[in-house]
Structures are given as structure tokens and as C-alpha cells.
């Protein structure tokens, strides 16, 4: 489940809940993440994500991720 609030055309803040089963192992991963996105242009954005949750082998984990995504070429469309 993802809820996302766009404050202006460039910035948004989201909250995501994951409850996923593993394909070839028993157990589930449950986590909650806060995601901040800043669009640098129509074809480029930078996203920062902090997540906290439980895995079958790791209780109380915290993930921190930085993602930069861009499109190139003459037919690059807006990233949505």
C-alpha cells in the first residue's frame, strides 16, 4: 500500500506498507517506509527512502536507500 502527497510539481512525500511472502522460503517481510522524492527535471528524479520492519531472520531492521533515476534519448517521456 502506498500513499503519496505531492506538495508542488517537484516534491512529494510518501508512506508505504509492505507485507511480502518469500518465493522459495517460509515467512514474510513486513515493513513501513517513508519516501521523499525531488524531481530535478521532467526526466530525472532523486528519491530518499527509510524503511523499518521485520524479516523472518532479522527483527527490527532499518533500510536507508538513495535512488537517482533518469531517462535519456530523443523520445524520453515524463517519469511517472
C-alpha atoms as a PDB file:
ATOM      1  CA  UNK A   1       0.000   0.000   0.000  1.00  0.00           C
ATOM      2  CA  UNK A   2       1.385   3.433  -0.922  1.00  0.00           C
ATOM      3  CA  UNK A   3       0.068   6.885  -0.016  1.00  0.00           C
ATOM      4  CA  UNK A   4       1.818   9.814  -1.683  1.00  0.00           C
ATOM      5  CA  UNK A   5       1.311  13.558  -1.264  1.00  0.00           C
ATOM      6  CA  UNK A   6       2.704  15.905  -3.922  1.00  0.00           C
ATOM      7  CA  UNK A   7       3.409  19.318  -2.389  1.00  0.00           C
ATOM      8  CA  UNK A   8       4.334  21.027  -5.664  1.00  0.00           C
ATOM      9  CA  UNK A   9       5.329  19.851  -9.172  1.00  0.00           C
ATOM     10  CA  UNK A  10       8.816  18.894  -7.914  1.00  0.00           C
ATOM     11  CA  UNK A  11       8.446  17.462  -4.382  1.00  0.00           C
ATOM     12  CA  UNK A  12       6.431  14.632  -2.855  1.00  0.00           C
ATOM     13  CA  UNK A  13       6.384  12.631   0.365  1.00  0.00           C
ATOM     14  CA  UNK A  14       5.013   9.118   0.666  1.00  0.00           C
ATOM     15  CA  UNK A  15       4.317   6.376   3.191  1.00  0.00           C
ATOM     16  CA  UNK A  16       4.458   2.707   2.100  1.00  0.00           C
ATOM     17  CA  UNK A  17       3.470  -0.517   3.886  1.00  0.00           C
ATOM     18  CA  UNK A  18       4.874  -3.830   2.606  1.00  0.00           C
ATOM     19  CA  UNK A  19       3.727  -7.324   3.591  1.00  0.00           C
ATOM     20  CA  UNK A  20       5.508  -9.745   1.257  1.00  0.00           C
ATOM     21  CA  UNK A  21       5.979 -13.505   1.192  1.00  0.00           C
ATOM     22  CA  UNK A  22       9.241 -15.082   0.040  1.00  0.00           C
ATOM     23  CA  UNK A  23       9.042 -17.216  -3.102  1.00  0.00           C
ATOM     24  CA  UNK A  24      11.279 -20.102  -2.013  1.00  0.00           C
ATOM     25  CA  UNK A  25      11.490 -19.699   1.781  1.00  0.00           C
ATOM     26  CA  UNK A  26       8.962 -19.680   4.614  1.00  0.00           C
ATOM     27  CA  UNK A  27       7.992 -16.426   6.268  1.00  0.00           C
ATOM     28  CA  UNK A  28       7.031 -12.882   5.393  1.00  0.00           C
ATOM     29  CA  UNK A  29       8.673  -9.470   5.387  1.00  0.00           C
ATOM     30  CA  UNK A  30       6.640  -6.626   6.865  1.00  0.00           C
ATOM     31  CA  UNK A  31       7.878  -3.036   6.791  1.00  0.00           C
ATOM     32  CA  UNK A  32       6.872   0.621   6.745  1.00  0.00           C
ATOM     33  CA  UNK A  33       8.812   3.155   4.654  1.00  0.00           C
ATOM     34  CA  UNK A  34       8.888   6.932   4.327  1.00  0.00           C
ATOM     35  CA  UNK A  35       9.788   8.079   0.795  1.00  0.00           C
ATOM     36  CA  UNK A  36      10.808  11.633  -0.192  1.00  0.00           C
ATOM     37  CA  UNK A  37      11.062  12.407  -3.925  1.00  0.00           C
ATOM     38  CA  UNK A  38      12.504  15.504  -5.601  1.00  0.00           C
ATOM     39  CA  UNK A  39      12.191  15.917  -9.371  1.00  0.00           C
ATOM     40  CA  UNK A  40      15.264  17.593 -10.844  1.00  0.00           C
ATOM     41  CA  UNK A  41      13.672  17.819 -14.319  1.00  0.00           C
ATOM     42  CA  UNK A  42      10.867  16.152 -16.263  1.00  0.00           C
ATOM     43  CA  UNK A  43      13.127  13.148 -16.947  1.00  0.00           C
ATOM     44  CA  UNK A  44      15.172  12.966 -13.708  1.00  0.00           C
ATOM     45  CA  UNK A  45      14.279  12.445 -10.064  1.00  0.00           C
ATOM     46  CA  UNK A  46      16.047  11.703  -6.803  1.00  0.00           C
ATOM     47  CA  UNK A  47      14.365   9.590  -4.119  1.00  0.00           C
ATOM     48  CA  UNK A  48      15.356   9.007  -0.472  1.00  0.00           C
ATOM     49  CA  UNK A  49      13.728   6.130   1.414  1.00  0.00           C
ATOM     50  CA  UNK A  50      13.935   4.976   5.038  1.00  0.00           C
ATOM     51  CA  UNK A  51      12.211   1.708   5.952  1.00  0.00           C
ATOM     52  CA  UNK A  52      11.781  -0.220   9.193  1.00  0.00           C
ATOM     53  CA  UNK A  53      10.297  -3.670   9.716  1.00  0.00           C
ATOM     54  CA  UNK A  54      10.731  -7.391  10.393  1.00  0.00           C
ATOM     55  CA  UNK A  55      12.071 -10.301   8.345  1.00  0.00           C
ATOM     56  CA  UNK A  56      11.948 -13.961   9.378  1.00  0.00           C
ATOM     57  CA  UNK A  57      15.703 -13.924  10.080  1.00  0.00           C
ATOM     58  CA  UNK A  58      16.051 -10.277  11.156  1.00  0.00           C
ATOM     59  CA  UNK A  59      13.738  -8.478  13.568  1.00  0.00           C
ATOM     60  CA  UNK A  60      13.723  -4.701  13.673  1.00  0.00           C
ATOM     61  CA  UNK A  61      15.787  -3.977  10.543  1.00  0.00           C
ATOM     62  CA  UNK A  62      16.226  -0.487   9.098  1.00  0.00           C
ATOM     63  CA  UNK A  63      16.986   0.195   5.406  1.00  0.00           C
ATOM     64  CA  UNK A  64      18.186   3.527   4.014  1.00  0.00           C
ATOM     65  CA  UNK A  65      18.218   3.990   0.230  1.00  0.00           C
ATOM     66  CA  UNK A  66      19.067   6.764  -2.211  1.00  0.00           C
ATOM     67  CA  UNK A  67      17.826   6.329  -5.784  1.00  0.00           C
ATOM     68  CA  UNK A  68      18.581   8.549  -8.771  1.00  0.00           C
ATOM     69  CA  UNK A  69      16.586   7.818 -11.938  1.00  0.00           C
ATOM     70  CA  UNK A  70      16.941   9.471 -15.313  1.00  0.00           C
ATOM     71  CA  UNK A  71      15.759   8.991 -18.859  1.00  0.00           C
ATOM     72  CA  UNK A  72      17.857   9.704 -21.947  1.00  0.00           C
ATOM     73  CA  UNK A  73      17.261   9.904 -25.672  1.00  0.00           C
ATOM     74  CA  UNK A  74      15.135  11.921 -28.062  1.00  0.00           C
ATOM     75  CA  UNK A  75      11.882  10.201 -27.008  1.00  0.00           C
ATOM     76  CA  UNK A  76      12.232  10.392 -23.228  1.00  0.00           C
ATOM     77  CA  UNK A  77       8.840  10.786 -21.551  1.00  0.00           C
ATOM     78  CA  UNK A  78       7.982  12.122 -18.123  1.00  0.00           C
ATOM     79  CA  UNK A  79       8.779   9.624 -15.390  1.00  0.00           C
ATOM     80  CA  UNK A  80       5.570   8.744 -13.571  1.00  0.00           C
END
